[in-house]
């Protein structure tokens, strides 16, 4: 009984598991289940795709993105620190140590 359940579960797993193909040969007519393929550099017909368009990411674009987020983060942290101090949740002790 256990071997029958094992064979059935293995057959179900193999039928429903996609296989990885590299698009190197003709498609099989009797293929069961979906087939995953690597089409990063080639099309489904096997042709090599052209190079992707490279968008330049200069220093100007980086500054345009980084500076506003640094400023907003600075405002949030400053306001939250003021809130904590106002409610005396986290207030550093004023120790007058004259060592």
N, C-alpha and C. Protein backbone atom coordinates (compact mmCIF):
# COMPACT_ATOMS: atom_id res chain seq x y z
N UNK A 1 0.83 -1.19 0.00
CA UNK A 1 0.00 0.00 0.00
C UNK A 1 0.87 1.25 0.00
N UNK A 2 1.94 1.24 0.81
CA UNK A 2 2.81 2.40 0.89
C UNK A 2 3.55 2.60 -0.43
N UNK A 3 3.95 1.49 -1.08
CA UNK A 3 4.67 1.65 -2.34
C UNK A 3 3.75 2.19 -3.44
N UNK A 4 2.48 1.81 -3.42
CA UNK A 4 1.53 2.33 -4.39
C UNK A 4 1.34 3.83 -4.19
N UNK A 5 1.20 4.26 -2.93
CA UNK A 5 1.05 5.69 -2.64
C UNK A 5 2.31 6.45 -3.04
N UNK A 6 3.46 5.86 -2.84
CA UNK A 6 4.72 6.50 -3.22
C UNK A 6 4.83 6.65 -4.72
N UNK A 7 4.46 5.59 -5.47
CA UNK A 7 4.53 5.65 -6.93
C UNK A 7 3.53 6.67 -7.49
N UNK A 8 2.32 6.72 -6.92
CA UNK A 8 1.33 7.67 -7.39
C UNK A 8 1.75 9.12 -7.10
N UNK A 9 2.30 9.34 -5.91
CA UNK A 9 2.72 10.70 -5.59
C UNK A 9 3.90 11.12 -6.45
N UNK A 10 4.81 10.20 -6.76
CA UNK A 10 5.96 10.51 -7.62
C UNK A 10 5.48 10.80 -9.04
N UNK A 11 4.54 10.02 -9.54
CA UNK A 11 4.03 10.25 -10.88
C UNK A 11 3.31 11.59 -10.96
N UNK A 12 2.55 11.93 -9.93
CA UNK A 12 1.86 13.22 -9.90
C UNK A 12 2.87 14.36 -9.85
N UNK A 13 3.93 14.20 -9.05
CA UNK A 13 4.96 15.23 -8.92
C UNK A 13 5.70 15.42 -10.24
N UNK A 14 6.05 14.35 -10.90
CA UNK A 14 6.80 14.45 -12.16
C UNK A 14 5.95 15.04 -13.27
N UNK A 15 4.67 14.76 -13.27
CA UNK A 15 3.81 15.28 -14.32
C UNK A 15 3.58 16.77 -14.14
N UNK A 16 3.48 17.25 -12.88
CA UNK A 16 3.16 18.65 -12.62
C UNK A 16 4.40 19.52 -12.39
N UNK A 17 5.59 18.96 -12.53
CA UNK A 17 6.80 19.73 -12.35
C UNK A 17 7.33 20.17 -13.71
N UNK A 18 7.52 21.49 -13.90
CA UNK A 18 8.07 21.95 -15.18
C UNK A 18 9.55 21.57 -15.29
N UNK A 19 9.98 21.33 -16.49
CA UNK A 19 11.38 21.00 -16.72
C UNK A 19 12.06 22.17 -17.38
N UNK A 20 13.37 22.25 -17.23
CA UNK A 20 14.14 23.35 -17.78
C UNK A 20 14.76 22.92 -19.10
N UNK A 21 14.44 23.64 -20.14
CA UNK A 21 15.04 23.36 -21.43
C UNK A 21 15.77 24.59 -21.91
N UNK A 22 16.76 24.40 -22.77
CA UNK A 22 17.58 25.50 -23.24
C UNK A 22 17.22 25.94 -24.65
N UNK A 23 16.09 25.50 -25.18
CA UNK A 23 15.66 25.82 -26.54
C UNK A 23 16.73 25.41 -27.55
N UNK A 24 17.26 24.21 -27.42
CA UNK A 24 18.30 23.77 -28.33
C UNK A 24 17.77 22.85 -29.42
N UNK A 25 16.60 22.30 -29.24
CA UNK A 25 16.08 21.38 -30.24
C UNK A 25 14.62 21.65 -30.52
N UNK A 26 14.05 20.84 -31.42
CA UNK A 26 12.63 21.04 -31.72
C UNK A 26 11.76 20.65 -30.54
N UNK A 27 10.62 21.27 -30.46
CA UNK A 27 9.68 20.98 -29.38
C UNK A 27 9.05 19.61 -29.59
N UNK A 28 8.89 18.91 -28.50
CA UNK A 28 8.27 17.60 -28.55
C UNK A 28 6.76 17.77 -28.54
N UNK A 29 6.09 17.02 -29.39
CA UNK A 29 4.64 17.11 -29.48
C UNK A 29 4.00 16.43 -28.28
N UNK A 30 4.62 15.40 -27.74
CA UNK A 30 4.06 14.64 -26.64
C UNK A 30 4.54 15.12 -25.28
N UNK A 31 5.01 16.34 -25.16
CA UNK A 31 5.50 16.85 -23.89
C UNK A 31 4.34 17.00 -22.92
N UNK A 32 4.56 16.60 -21.70
CA UNK A 32 3.53 16.72 -20.67
C UNK A 32 3.92 17.82 -19.72
N UNK A 33 3.01 18.70 -19.42
CA UNK A 33 3.26 19.78 -18.47
C UNK A 33 3.94 20.96 -19.13
N UNK A 34 3.97 22.07 -18.41
CA UNK A 34 4.62 23.27 -18.95
C UNK A 34 6.13 23.12 -18.99
N UNK A 35 6.77 23.85 -19.88
CA UNK A 35 8.22 23.80 -20.03
C UNK A 35 8.78 25.19 -19.83
N UNK A 36 9.67 25.33 -18.86
CA UNK A 36 10.33 26.60 -18.65
C UNK A 36 11.52 26.69 -19.60
N UNK A 37 11.81 27.87 -20.07
CA UNK A 37 12.96 28.03 -20.96
C UNK A 37 13.71 29.29 -20.61
N UNK A 38 14.99 29.28 -20.88
CA UNK A 38 15.84 30.43 -20.62
C UNK A 38 15.88 31.27 -21.88
N UNK A 39 15.18 32.39 -21.88
CA UNK A 39 15.14 33.24 -23.07
C UNK A 39 15.80 34.58 -22.80
N UNK A 40 16.83 34.60 -21.97
CA UNK A 40 17.48 35.86 -21.63
C UNK A 40 18.29 36.40 -22.80
N UNK A 41 18.93 35.54 -23.56
CA UNK A 41 19.77 36.00 -24.66
C UNK A 41 19.28 35.52 -26.01
N UNK A 42 18.25 34.68 -26.03
CA UNK A 42 17.75 34.20 -27.31
C UNK A 42 16.22 34.21 -27.30
N UNK A 43 15.66 34.32 -28.49
CA UNK A 43 14.22 34.31 -28.60
C UNK A 43 13.72 32.87 -28.66
N UNK A 44 12.41 32.69 -28.76
CA UNK A 44 11.87 31.34 -28.81
C UNK A 44 12.27 30.61 -30.09
N UNK A 45 12.60 31.35 -31.14
CA UNK A 45 13.04 30.70 -32.38
C UNK A 45 14.52 30.36 -32.36
N UNK A 46 15.25 30.85 -31.33
CA UNK A 46 16.67 30.56 -31.21
C UNK A 46 17.56 31.70 -31.66
N UNK A 47 16.98 32.79 -32.14
CA UNK A 47 17.77 33.93 -32.60
C UNK A 47 18.34 34.69 -31.41
N UNK A 48 19.53 35.22 -31.56
CA UNK A 48 20.16 35.99 -30.50
C UNK A 48 19.54 37.38 -30.49
N UNK A 49 19.10 37.80 -29.30
CA UNK A 49 18.46 39.11 -29.16
C UNK A 49 19.50 40.22 -29.17
N UNK A 50 19.11 41.42 -29.61
CA UNK A 50 20.07 42.54 -29.57
C UNK A 50 20.36 42.96 -28.13
N UNK A 51 21.44 43.72 -27.95
CA UNK A 51 21.80 44.19 -26.62
C UNK A 51 20.69 45.09 -26.08
N UNK A 52 20.42 45.01 -24.78
CA UNK A 52 19.39 45.89 -24.21
C UNK A 52 19.87 47.33 -24.20
N UNK A 53 18.93 48.25 -24.18
CA UNK A 53 19.25 49.67 -24.14
C UNK A 53 19.79 50.00 -22.76
N UNK A 54 20.97 50.60 -22.71
CA UNK A 54 21.59 50.94 -21.44
C UNK A 54 21.31 52.39 -21.12
N UNK A 55 20.63 52.63 -20.02
CA UNK A 55 20.29 53.98 -19.59
C UNK A 55 21.43 54.46 -18.69
N UNK A 56 22.05 55.59 -19.02
CA UNK A 56 23.15 56.06 -18.18
C UNK A 56 22.64 56.51 -16.82
N UNK A 57 23.33 56.11 -15.77
CA UNK A 57 22.95 56.48 -14.40
C UNK A 57 24.07 57.32 -13.84
N UNK A 58 23.98 58.62 -14.08
CA UNK A 58 25.05 59.52 -13.71
C UNK A 58 24.96 59.99 -12.27
N UNK A 59 25.96 60.77 -11.92
CA UNK A 59 26.04 61.33 -10.57
C UNK A 59 24.88 62.29 -10.32
N UNK A 60 24.43 62.99 -11.35
CA UNK A 60 23.32 63.94 -11.20
C UNK A 60 22.04 63.23 -10.79
N UNK A 61 21.73 62.13 -11.43
CA UNK A 61 20.51 61.38 -11.07
C UNK A 61 20.60 60.84 -9.66
N UNK A 62 21.78 60.40 -9.26
CA UNK A 62 21.94 59.87 -7.92
C UNK A 62 21.73 60.98 -6.88
N UNK A 63 22.26 62.17 -7.14
CA UNK A 63 22.09 63.28 -6.21
C UNK A 63 20.63 63.69 -6.14
N UNK A 64 19.93 63.69 -7.27
CA UNK A 64 18.51 64.07 -7.29
C UNK A 64 17.68 63.12 -6.44
N UNK A 65 18.08 61.87 -6.35
CA UNK A 65 17.33 60.90 -5.55
C UNK A 65 17.79 60.90 -4.09
N UNK A 66 19.07 60.97 -3.83
CA UNK A 66 19.59 60.80 -2.48
C UNK A 66 19.33 62.01 -1.59
N UNK A 67 19.56 63.21 -2.09
CA UNK A 67 19.44 64.41 -1.25
C UNK A 67 18.04 64.59 -0.67
N UNK A 68 16.95 64.49 -1.44
CA UNK A 68 15.62 64.65 -0.81
C UNK A 68 15.32 63.58 0.24
N UNK A 69 15.74 62.34 0.01
CA UNK A 69 15.46 61.30 1.00
C UNK A 69 16.30 61.49 2.26
N UNK A 70 17.52 61.97 2.13
CA UNK A 70 18.31 62.28 3.32
C UNK A 70 17.66 63.41 4.12
N UNK A 71 17.16 64.42 3.43
CA UNK A 71 16.51 65.54 4.09
C UNK A 71 15.24 65.09 4.81
N UNK A 72 14.42 64.29 4.15
CA UNK A 72 13.18 63.80 4.77
C UNK A 72 13.50 62.91 5.97
N UNK A 73 14.50 62.05 5.85
CA UNK A 73 14.90 61.21 6.98
C UNK A 73 15.41 62.03 8.14
N UNK A 74 16.13 63.12 7.84
CA UNK A 74 16.61 64.01 8.88
C UNK A 74 15.44 64.67 9.60
N UNK A 75 14.44 65.14 8.87
CA UNK A 75 13.27 65.77 9.49
C UNK A 75 12.49 64.79 10.37
N UNK A 76 12.32 63.57 9.89
CA UNK A 76 11.58 62.57 10.66
C UNK A 76 12.30 62.24 11.96
N UNK A 77 13.61 62.03 11.89
CA UNK A 77 14.36 61.67 13.10
C UNK A 77 14.41 62.83 14.08
N UNK A 78 14.54 64.06 13.58
CA UNK A 78 14.57 65.22 14.48
C UNK A 78 13.24 65.38 15.19
N UNK A 79 12.13 65.25 14.46
CA UNK A 79 10.80 65.39 15.08
C UNK A 79 10.52 64.26 16.06
N UNK A 80 10.96 63.05 15.74
CA UNK A 80 10.73 61.92 16.65
C UNK A 80 11.56 62.07 17.92
N UNK A 81 12.80 62.57 17.79
CA UNK A 81 13.63 62.80 18.98
C UNK A 81 13.01 63.87 19.87
N UNK A 82 12.43 64.92 19.25
CA UNK A 82 11.77 65.97 20.03
C UNK A 82 10.52 65.41 20.73
N UNK A 83 9.79 64.54 20.07
CA UNK A 83 8.61 63.92 20.67
C UNK A 83 8.99 63.06 21.87
N UNK A 84 10.07 62.27 21.72
CA UNK A 84 10.51 61.44 22.83
C UNK A 84 10.96 62.28 24.02
N UNK A 85 11.65 63.38 23.74
CA UNK A 85 12.11 64.24 24.83
C UNK A 85 10.94 64.96 25.49
N UNK A 86 9.93 65.34 24.70
CA UNK A 86 8.77 66.03 25.25
C UNK A 86 8.00 65.14 26.21
N UNK A 87 7.86 63.88 25.88
CA UNK A 87 7.13 62.94 26.74
C UNK A 87 8.03 62.24 27.74
N UNK A 88 9.27 62.64 27.79
CA UNK A 88 10.28 62.11 28.72
C UNK A 88 10.38 60.60 28.64
N UNK A 89 10.29 60.08 27.45
CA UNK A 89 10.45 58.64 27.24
C UNK A 89 11.93 58.29 27.23
N UNK A 90 12.71 59.06 26.54
CA UNK A 90 14.14 58.84 26.52
C UNK A 90 14.81 60.19 26.66
N UNK A 91 15.22 60.49 27.89
CA UNK A 91 15.92 61.74 28.16
C UNK A 91 17.23 61.38 28.84
N UNK A 92 18.33 61.82 28.25
CA UNK A 92 19.61 61.53 28.89
C UNK A 92 19.74 62.25 30.23
N UNK A 93 20.36 61.60 31.20
CA UNK A 93 20.55 62.19 32.51
C UNK A 93 21.62 63.27 32.42
N UNK A 94 21.40 64.32 33.15
CA UNK A 94 22.38 65.40 33.23
C UNK A 94 23.28 65.15 34.43
N UNK A 95 24.33 64.44 34.20
CA UNK A 95 25.30 64.16 35.27
C UNK A 95 26.38 65.23 35.25
N UNK A 96 26.52 65.89 36.37
CA UNK A 96 27.57 66.90 36.49
C UNK A 96 28.75 66.27 37.19
N UNK A 97 29.51 65.57 36.44
CA UNK A 97 30.70 64.92 37.00
C UNK A 97 31.89 65.86 36.82
N UNK A 98 32.43 66.29 37.91
CA UNK A 98 33.60 67.16 37.85
C UNK A 98 34.83 66.35 38.23
N UNK A 99 35.18 65.42 37.43
CA UNK A 99 36.33 64.57 37.74
C UNK A 99 37.60 65.22 37.32
